[in-house]
Amino acid sequence: MISLKAQYGLKAIVSLAMHQGKGPLQAKEIASSQTIPVRYLELLLSQLRRARLVNATRGKNGGYILVKDPAKVTVWDIVATFEGKVIFSQPPEMKRGVAGKDEISFVWSEAEKRVVDYLQSVKVSDLLEAAQSGKQMYFI
């Protein structure tokens, strides 16, 4: 359902939120603290930059910073950056127009609506709070 790419992207965002106000954080520091391969993380950070969730600064003292307030960024914002707007997709044989294959399609659309609603309700600040308190949270 939710790819490893989206999960790593979320971990990176939480790391940046923890470091907010302290200047840029280098990819290698995020990768090390979150056990993410640095080259892969750089690709993810590039996608997050294109989505305008992070900014990048080059140079010796460069790195990445979270652009928005963690209380205004939802888990869905990050997931949608990597997954697009659809989490559950119907197999081709279940799409409308195929006789007799349509009676369960409501299950997928309702499941997707509920997952999206939930992910939109969880803010990065909630994850940050949990991380800082040492509380283990299972959001995804």
N, C-alpha and C. Protein backbone atom coordinates (compact mmCIF):
# COMPACT_ATOMS: atom_id res chain seq x y z
N MET A 1 0.82 -1.20 0.00
CA MET A 1 0.00 0.00 0.00
C MET A 1 0.87 1.26 0.00
N ILE A 2 1.47 1.58 1.11
CA ILE A 2 2.32 2.76 1.19
C ILE A 2 3.76 2.29 0.96
N SER A 3 4.40 2.85 -0.03
CA SER A 3 5.74 2.40 -0.41
C SER A 3 6.80 2.75 0.62
N LEU A 4 7.90 2.06 0.52
CA LEU A 4 9.06 2.35 1.36
C LEU A 4 9.56 3.76 1.07
N LYS A 5 9.43 4.19 -0.17
CA LYS A 5 9.82 5.54 -0.58
C LYS A 5 9.06 6.58 0.26
N ALA A 6 7.75 6.41 0.38
CA ALA A 6 6.94 7.36 1.16
C ALA A 6 7.29 7.29 2.64
N GLN A 7 7.57 6.10 3.14
CA GLN A 7 7.93 5.95 4.55
C GLN A 7 9.28 6.61 4.83
N TYR A 8 10.24 6.43 3.95
CA TYR A 8 11.54 7.09 4.11
C TYR A 8 11.39 8.61 4.00
N GLY A 9 10.55 9.05 3.06
CA GLY A 9 10.31 10.48 2.91
C GLY A 9 9.71 11.07 4.18
N LEU A 10 8.82 10.35 4.80
CA LEU A 10 8.22 10.80 6.06
C LEU A 10 9.25 10.86 7.17
N LYS A 11 10.12 9.87 7.23
CA LYS A 11 11.20 9.88 8.23
C LYS A 11 12.11 11.09 8.03
N ALA A 12 12.40 11.40 6.79
CA ALA A 12 13.25 12.56 6.49
C ALA A 12 12.58 13.85 6.93
N ILE A 13 11.29 13.98 6.67
CA ILE A 13 10.55 15.18 7.06
C ILE A 13 10.54 15.32 8.58
N VAL A 14 10.35 14.23 9.30
CA VAL A 14 10.36 14.29 10.76
C VAL A 14 11.75 14.71 11.26
N SER A 15 12.79 14.20 10.65
CA SER A 15 14.16 14.62 11.02
C SER A 15 14.35 16.11 10.81
N LEU A 16 13.87 16.60 9.68
CA LEU A 16 13.99 18.03 9.40
C LEU A 16 13.16 18.85 10.38
N ALA A 17 12.01 18.35 10.75
CA ALA A 17 11.16 19.05 11.73
C ALA A 17 11.85 19.11 13.09
N MET A 18 12.54 18.04 13.46
CA MET A 18 13.27 18.01 14.74
C MET A 18 14.41 19.03 14.75
N HIS A 19 14.93 19.33 13.58
CA HIS A 19 16.09 20.21 13.45
C HIS A 19 15.68 21.63 13.07
N GLN A 20 14.38 21.87 12.95
CA GLN A 20 13.89 23.16 12.49
C GLN A 20 14.37 24.30 13.39
N GLY A 21 14.80 25.38 12.74
CA GLY A 21 15.30 26.55 13.46
C GLY A 21 16.77 26.47 13.81
N LYS A 22 17.42 25.37 13.46
CA LYS A 22 18.84 25.18 13.77
C LYS A 22 19.71 25.22 12.52
N GLY A 23 19.14 25.64 11.40
CA GLY A 23 19.89 25.69 10.16
C GLY A 23 19.69 24.44 9.33
N PRO A 24 20.33 24.40 8.16
CA PRO A 24 20.17 23.26 7.26
C PRO A 24 20.75 21.97 7.84
N LEU A 25 20.14 20.88 7.45
CA LEU A 25 20.57 19.55 7.86
C LEU A 25 21.03 18.80 6.61
N GLN A 26 22.23 18.26 6.65
CA GLN A 26 22.77 17.56 5.49
C GLN A 26 22.13 16.19 5.32
N ALA A 27 22.03 15.78 4.06
CA ALA A 27 21.41 14.49 3.73
C ALA A 27 22.10 13.34 4.45
N LYS A 28 23.44 13.41 4.56
CA LYS A 28 24.15 12.31 5.21
C LYS A 28 23.80 12.20 6.70
N GLU A 29 23.47 13.34 7.33
CA GLU A 29 23.06 13.31 8.74
C GLU A 29 21.68 12.67 8.89
N ILE A 30 20.78 13.03 7.98
CA ILE A 30 19.43 12.44 8.00
C ILE A 30 19.54 10.94 7.73
N ALA A 31 20.30 10.59 6.70
CA ALA A 31 20.46 9.19 6.31
C ALA A 31 21.01 8.36 7.46
N SER A 32 22.00 8.90 8.14
CA SER A 32 22.61 8.20 9.25
C SER A 32 21.63 7.99 10.40
N SER A 33 20.91 9.04 10.76
CA SER A 33 20.00 8.94 11.91
C SER A 33 18.76 8.10 11.61
N GLN A 34 18.39 8.00 10.34
CA GLN A 34 17.18 7.27 9.97
C GLN A 34 17.46 5.94 9.25
N THR A 35 18.72 5.57 9.17
CA THR A 35 19.16 4.36 8.46
C THR A 35 18.54 4.24 7.06
N ILE A 36 18.78 5.29 6.28
CA ILE A 36 18.33 5.35 4.89
C ILE A 36 19.58 5.51 4.04
N PRO A 37 19.73 4.74 2.97
CA PRO A 37 20.88 4.93 2.09
C PRO A 37 20.93 6.38 1.59
N VAL A 38 22.07 7.04 1.72
CA VAL A 38 22.18 8.46 1.44
C VAL A 38 21.85 8.82 -0.01
N ARG A 39 22.28 8.01 -0.95
CA ARG A 39 21.98 8.32 -2.36
C ARG A 39 20.48 8.23 -2.63
N TYR A 40 19.84 7.26 -2.04
CA TYR A 40 18.39 7.11 -2.19
C TYR A 40 17.68 8.28 -1.52
N LEU A 41 18.15 8.65 -0.35
CA LEU A 41 17.56 9.78 0.37
C LEU A 41 17.67 11.07 -0.45
N GLU A 42 18.77 11.27 -1.11
CA GLU A 42 18.94 12.48 -1.93
C GLU A 42 17.89 12.54 -3.04
N LEU A 43 17.54 11.41 -3.61
CA LEU A 43 16.48 11.37 -4.62
C LEU A 43 15.13 11.74 -3.99
N LEU A 44 14.88 11.22 -2.80
CA LEU A 44 13.63 11.51 -2.11
C LEU A 44 13.55 12.98 -1.73
N LEU A 45 14.66 13.53 -1.24
CA LEU A 45 14.69 14.94 -0.86
C LEU A 45 14.47 15.83 -2.09
N SER A 46 14.93 15.39 -3.22
CA SER A 46 14.71 16.12 -4.46
C SER A 46 13.21 16.17 -4.78
N GLN A 47 12.53 15.06 -4.60
CA GLN A 47 11.08 15.03 -4.82
C GLN A 47 10.36 15.92 -3.81
N LEU A 48 10.80 15.89 -2.58
CA LEU A 48 10.19 16.74 -1.54
C LEU A 48 10.43 18.22 -1.84
N ARG A 49 11.57 18.52 -2.43
CA ARG A 49 11.88 19.90 -2.82
C ARG A 49 10.95 20.34 -3.95
N ARG A 50 10.76 19.47 -4.94
CA ARG A 50 9.84 19.79 -6.04
C ARG A 50 8.40 19.97 -5.55
N ALA A 51 8.06 19.27 -4.48
CA ALA A 51 6.72 19.40 -3.88
C ALA A 51 6.63 20.61 -2.96
N ARG A 52 7.75 21.35 -2.85
CA ARG A 52 7.83 22.57 -2.03
C ARG A 52 7.62 22.32 -0.54
N LEU A 53 8.08 21.16 -0.10
CA LEU A 53 8.03 20.85 1.33
C LEU A 53 9.37 21.11 2.00
N VAL A 54 10.45 21.03 1.21
CA VAL A 54 11.78 21.33 1.75
C VAL A 54 12.52 22.27 0.80
N ASN A 55 13.50 22.98 1.34
CA ASN A 55 14.41 23.80 0.55
C ASN A 55 15.81 23.22 0.70
N ALA A 56 16.61 23.41 -0.33
CA ALA A 56 17.99 22.94 -0.31
C ALA A 56 18.93 24.11 -0.48
N THR A 57 20.05 24.05 0.26
CA THR A 57 21.11 25.05 0.13
C THR A 57 22.39 24.29 -0.18
N ARG A 58 23.13 24.78 -1.16
CA ARG A 58 24.39 24.14 -1.54
C ARG A 58 25.55 24.70 -0.73
N GLY A 59 26.63 23.99 -0.76
CA GLY A 59 27.86 24.49 -0.15
C GLY A 59 28.21 23.76 1.13
N LYS A 60 29.33 24.18 1.69
CA LYS A 60 29.88 23.55 2.89
C LYS A 60 28.89 23.53 4.05
N ASN A 61 28.19 24.62 4.26
CA ASN A 61 27.22 24.70 5.34
C ASN A 61 25.79 24.51 4.85
N GLY A 62 25.66 23.89 3.69
CA GLY A 62 24.35 23.68 3.08
C GLY A 62 23.64 22.48 3.65
N GLY A 63 22.50 22.23 3.10
CA GLY A 63 21.69 21.10 3.53
C GLY A 63 20.23 21.38 3.22
N TYR A 64 19.36 20.74 3.97
CA TYR A 64 17.93 20.83 3.73
C TYR A 64 17.22 21.39 4.96
N ILE A 65 16.15 22.14 4.69
CA ILE A 65 15.31 22.63 5.77
C ILE A 65 13.85 22.40 5.39
N LEU A 66 13.03 22.19 6.40
CA LEU A 66 11.59 22.07 6.21
C LEU A 66 11.03 23.46 5.97
N VAL A 67 10.27 23.62 4.90
CA VAL A 67 9.77 24.93 4.50
C VAL A 67 8.56 25.36 5.35
N LYS A 68 7.69 24.41 5.64
CA LYS A 68 6.43 24.73 6.30
C LYS A 68 6.46 24.38 7.78
N ASP A 69 5.54 24.95 8.50
CA ASP A 69 5.33 24.64 9.90
C ASP A 69 4.89 23.17 10.02
N PRO A 70 5.53 22.37 10.87
CA PRO A 70 5.15 20.95 11.01
C PRO A 70 3.68 20.75 11.40
N ALA A 71 3.07 21.74 12.00
CA ALA A 71 1.65 21.64 12.37
C ALA A 71 0.74 21.83 11.16
N LYS A 72 1.31 22.25 10.03
CA LYS A 72 0.51 22.47 8.83
C LYS A 72 0.80 21.44 7.74
N VAL A 73 1.74 20.55 7.99
CA VAL A 73 2.07 19.51 7.02
C VAL A 73 1.49 18.20 7.54
N THR A 74 0.72 17.52 6.70
CA THR A 74 0.13 16.25 7.11
C THR A 74 0.92 15.07 6.55
N VAL A 75 0.69 13.93 7.13
CA VAL A 75 1.30 12.71 6.62
C VAL A 75 0.84 12.50 5.18
N TRP A 76 -0.41 12.84 4.88
CA TRP A 76 -0.92 12.71 3.53
C TRP A 76 -0.14 13.56 2.54
N ASP A 77 0.31 14.75 2.94
CA ASP A 77 1.10 15.60 2.04
C ASP A 77 2.35 14.85 1.57
N ILE A 78 2.97 14.15 2.48
CA ILE A 78 4.20 13.43 2.14
C ILE A 78 3.87 12.19 1.31
N VAL A 79 2.88 11.42 1.75
CA VAL A 79 2.50 10.21 1.03
C VAL A 79 2.08 10.56 -0.40
N ALA A 80 1.29 11.61 -0.57
CA ALA A 80 0.82 12.00 -1.90
C ALA A 80 1.98 12.45 -2.80
N THR A 81 3.02 12.99 -2.20
CA THR A 81 4.21 13.38 -2.97
C THR A 81 4.83 12.17 -3.67
N PHE A 82 4.81 11.04 -2.99
CA PHE A 82 5.46 9.85 -3.54
C PHE A 82 4.49 8.87 -4.21
N GLU A 83 3.26 8.82 -3.74
CA GLU A 83 2.30 7.84 -4.24
C GLU A 83 1.31 8.42 -5.25
N GLY A 84 1.21 9.74 -5.32
CA GLY A 84 0.15 10.34 -6.11
C GLY A 84 -1.11 10.42 -5.25
N LYS A 85 -2.22 10.68 -5.87
CA LYS A 85 -3.46 10.88 -5.11
C LYS A 85 -4.26 9.60 -4.90
N VAL A 86 -3.77 8.48 -5.40
CA VAL A 86 -4.51 7.23 -5.27
C VAL A 86 -3.66 6.21 -4.53
N ILE A 87 -4.24 5.64 -3.49
CA ILE A 87 -3.53 4.61 -2.73
C ILE A 87 -3.97 3.22 -3.20
N PHE A 88 -5.26 3.02 -3.27
CA PHE A 88 -5.79 1.74 -3.73
C PHE A 88 -6.21 1.89 -5.18
N SER A 89 -5.79 0.98 -6.00
CA SER A 89 -6.25 1.03 -7.38
C SER A 89 -6.97 -0.27 -7.67
N GLN A 90 -8.01 -0.16 -8.45
CA GLN A 90 -8.78 -1.34 -8.80
C GLN A 90 -8.10 -2.07 -9.94
N PRO A 91 -8.05 -3.39 -9.85
CA PRO A 91 -7.53 -4.15 -10.98
C PRO A 91 -8.37 -3.86 -12.23
N PRO A 92 -7.77 -3.91 -13.41
CA PRO A 92 -8.51 -3.58 -14.64
C PRO A 92 -9.82 -4.33 -14.78
N GLU A 93 -9.87 -5.59 -14.36
CA GLU A 93 -11.10 -6.37 -14.53
C GLU A 93 -12.23 -5.92 -13.61
N MET A 94 -11.91 -5.05 -12.62
CA MET A 94 -12.94 -4.59 -11.69
C MET A 94 -13.41 -3.18 -11.99
N LYS A 95 -12.89 -2.55 -13.00
CA LYS A 95 -13.30 -1.19 -13.33
C LYS A 95 -14.71 -1.19 -13.89
N ARG A 96 -15.38 -0.07 -13.73
CA ARG A 96 -16.76 0.07 -14.23
C ARG A 96 -16.81 -0.24 -15.72
N GLY A 97 -17.94 -0.75 -16.11
CA GLY A 97 -18.14 -1.05 -17.53
C GLY A 97 -17.92 -2.52 -17.84
N VAL A 98 -17.31 -3.26 -16.91
CA VAL A 98 -17.12 -4.69 -17.12
C VAL A 98 -18.26 -5.38 -16.39
N ALA A 99 -19.14 -5.99 -17.12
CA ALA A 99 -20.35 -6.60 -16.54
C ALA A 99 -20.00 -7.59 -15.46
N GLY A 100 -20.70 -7.47 -14.32
CA GLY A 100 -20.55 -8.43 -13.23
C GLY A 100 -19.30 -8.26 -12.38
N LYS A 101 -18.44 -7.32 -12.67
CA LYS A 101 -17.19 -7.16 -11.93
C LYS A 101 -17.18 -5.91 -11.07
N ASP A 102 -18.31 -5.28 -10.93
CA ASP A 102 -18.39 -3.95 -10.37
C ASP A 102 -18.97 -3.93 -8.95
N GLU A 103 -19.50 -5.06 -8.50
CA GLU A 103 -20.25 -5.09 -7.25
C GLU A 103 -19.40 -4.89 -5.99
N ILE A 104 -18.09 -4.99 -6.07
CA ILE A 104 -17.27 -4.76 -4.88
C ILE A 104 -16.38 -3.52 -4.98
N SER A 105 -16.50 -2.77 -6.05
CA SER A 105 -15.62 -1.62 -6.23
C SER A 105 -15.80 -0.57 -5.13
N PHE A 106 -16.98 -0.52 -4.51
CA PHE A 106 -17.21 0.44 -3.44
C PHE A 106 -16.27 0.19 -2.26
N VAL A 107 -15.86 -1.05 -2.07
CA VAL A 107 -14.96 -1.39 -0.96
C VAL A 107 -13.65 -0.63 -1.11
N TRP A 108 -13.08 -0.61 -2.31
CA TRP A 108 -11.80 0.05 -2.54
C TRP A 108 -11.92 1.55 -2.41
N SER A 109 -12.99 2.12 -2.94
CA SER A 109 -13.12 3.57 -2.85
C SER A 109 -13.38 4.01 -1.41
N GLU A 110 -14.14 3.25 -0.64
CA GLU A 110 -14.38 3.60 0.76
C GLU A 110 -13.11 3.41 1.60
N ALA A 111 -12.36 2.35 1.33
CA ALA A 111 -11.10 2.12 2.05
C ALA A 111 -10.13 3.27 1.78
N GLU A 112 -10.05 3.68 0.52
CA GLU A 112 -9.15 4.78 0.18
C GLU A 112 -9.57 6.07 0.88
N LYS A 113 -10.86 6.35 0.89
CA LYS A 113 -11.37 7.57 1.53
C LYS A 113 -11.00 7.58 3.01
N ARG A 114 -11.17 6.46 3.67
CA ARG A 114 -10.87 6.40 5.11
C ARG A 114 -9.37 6.54 5.39
N VAL A 115 -8.55 5.91 4.58
CA VAL A 115 -7.11 6.01 4.77
C VAL A 115 -6.65 7.45 4.53
N VAL A 116 -7.13 8.06 3.46
CA VAL A 116 -6.74 9.43 3.15
C VAL A 116 -7.21 10.38 4.26
N ASP A 117 -8.45 10.22 4.72
CA ASP A 117 -8.95 11.06 5.81
C ASP A 117 -8.07 10.95 7.04
N TYR A 118 -7.68 9.72 7.37
CA TYR A 118 -6.82 9.51 8.54
C TYR A 118 -5.45 10.16 8.35
N LEU A 119 -4.82 9.92 7.20
CA LEU A 119 -3.50 10.47 6.95
C LEU A 119 -3.52 11.99 6.90
N GLN A 120 -4.64 12.56 6.49
CA GLN A 120 -4.78 14.02 6.50
C GLN A 120 -4.95 14.56 7.92
N SER A 121 -5.40 13.71 8.83
CA SER A 121 -5.61 14.16 10.21
C SER A 121 -4.33 14.13 11.05
N VAL A 122 -3.33 13.40 10.59
CA VAL A 122 -2.07 13.28 11.33
C VAL A 122 -1.08 14.30 10.80
N LYS A 123 -0.65 15.18 11.67
CA LYS A 123 0.30 16.24 11.31
C LYS A 123 1.72 15.79 11.60
N VAL A 124 2.67 16.37 10.91
CA VAL A 124 4.09 16.10 11.18
C VAL A 124 4.41 16.49 12.62
N SER A 125 3.76 17.53 13.12
CA SER A 125 3.99 17.94 14.52
C SER A 125 3.58 16.83 15.49
N ASP A 126 2.57 16.02 15.15
CA ASP A 126 2.19 14.88 15.99
C ASP A 126 3.31 13.85 16.03
N LEU A 127 3.91 13.60 14.87
CA LEU A 127 5.02 12.64 14.79
C LEU A 127 6.25 13.18 15.53
N LEU A 128 6.47 14.47 15.40
CA LEU A 128 7.59 15.12 16.06
C LEU A 128 7.44 15.02 17.57
N GLU A 129 6.25 15.28 18.05
CA GLU A 129 5.95 15.19 19.48
C GLU A 129 6.21 13.77 19.98
N ALA A 130 5.76 12.79 19.22
CA ALA A 130 5.96 11.39 19.60
C ALA A 130 7.44 11.04 19.62
N ALA A 131 8.17 11.49 18.61
CA ALA A 131 9.60 11.20 18.53
C ALA A 131 10.36 11.84 19.68
N GLN A 132 10.00 13.06 20.05
CA GLN A 132 10.69 13.76 21.12
C GLN A 132 10.37 13.18 22.49
N SER A 133 9.18 12.60 22.63
CA SER A 133 8.81 12.03 23.93
C SER A 133 9.26 10.58 24.06
N GLY A 134 9.76 10.02 22.95
CA GLY A 134 10.19 8.63 22.97
C GLY A 134 9.06 7.66 22.83
N LYS A 135 7.86 8.17 22.60
CA LYS A 135 6.67 7.34 22.46
C LYS A 135 6.69 6.68 21.07
N GLN A 136 6.40 5.40 21.06
CA GLN A 136 6.35 4.69 19.79
C GLN A 136 4.94 4.85 19.22
N MET A 137 4.88 5.29 17.96
CA MET A 137 3.59 5.49 17.32
C MET A 137 3.56 4.71 16.03
N TYR A 138 2.45 4.11 15.76
CA TYR A 138 2.27 3.35 14.54
C TYR A 138 1.19 4.00 13.70
N PHE A 139 1.60 4.96 12.87
CA PHE A 139 0.66 5.69 12.06
C PHE A 139 0.40 5.00 10.74
N ILE A 140 1.42 4.36 10.19
CA ILE A 140 1.26 3.76 8.86
C ILE A 140 1.52 2.28 8.97
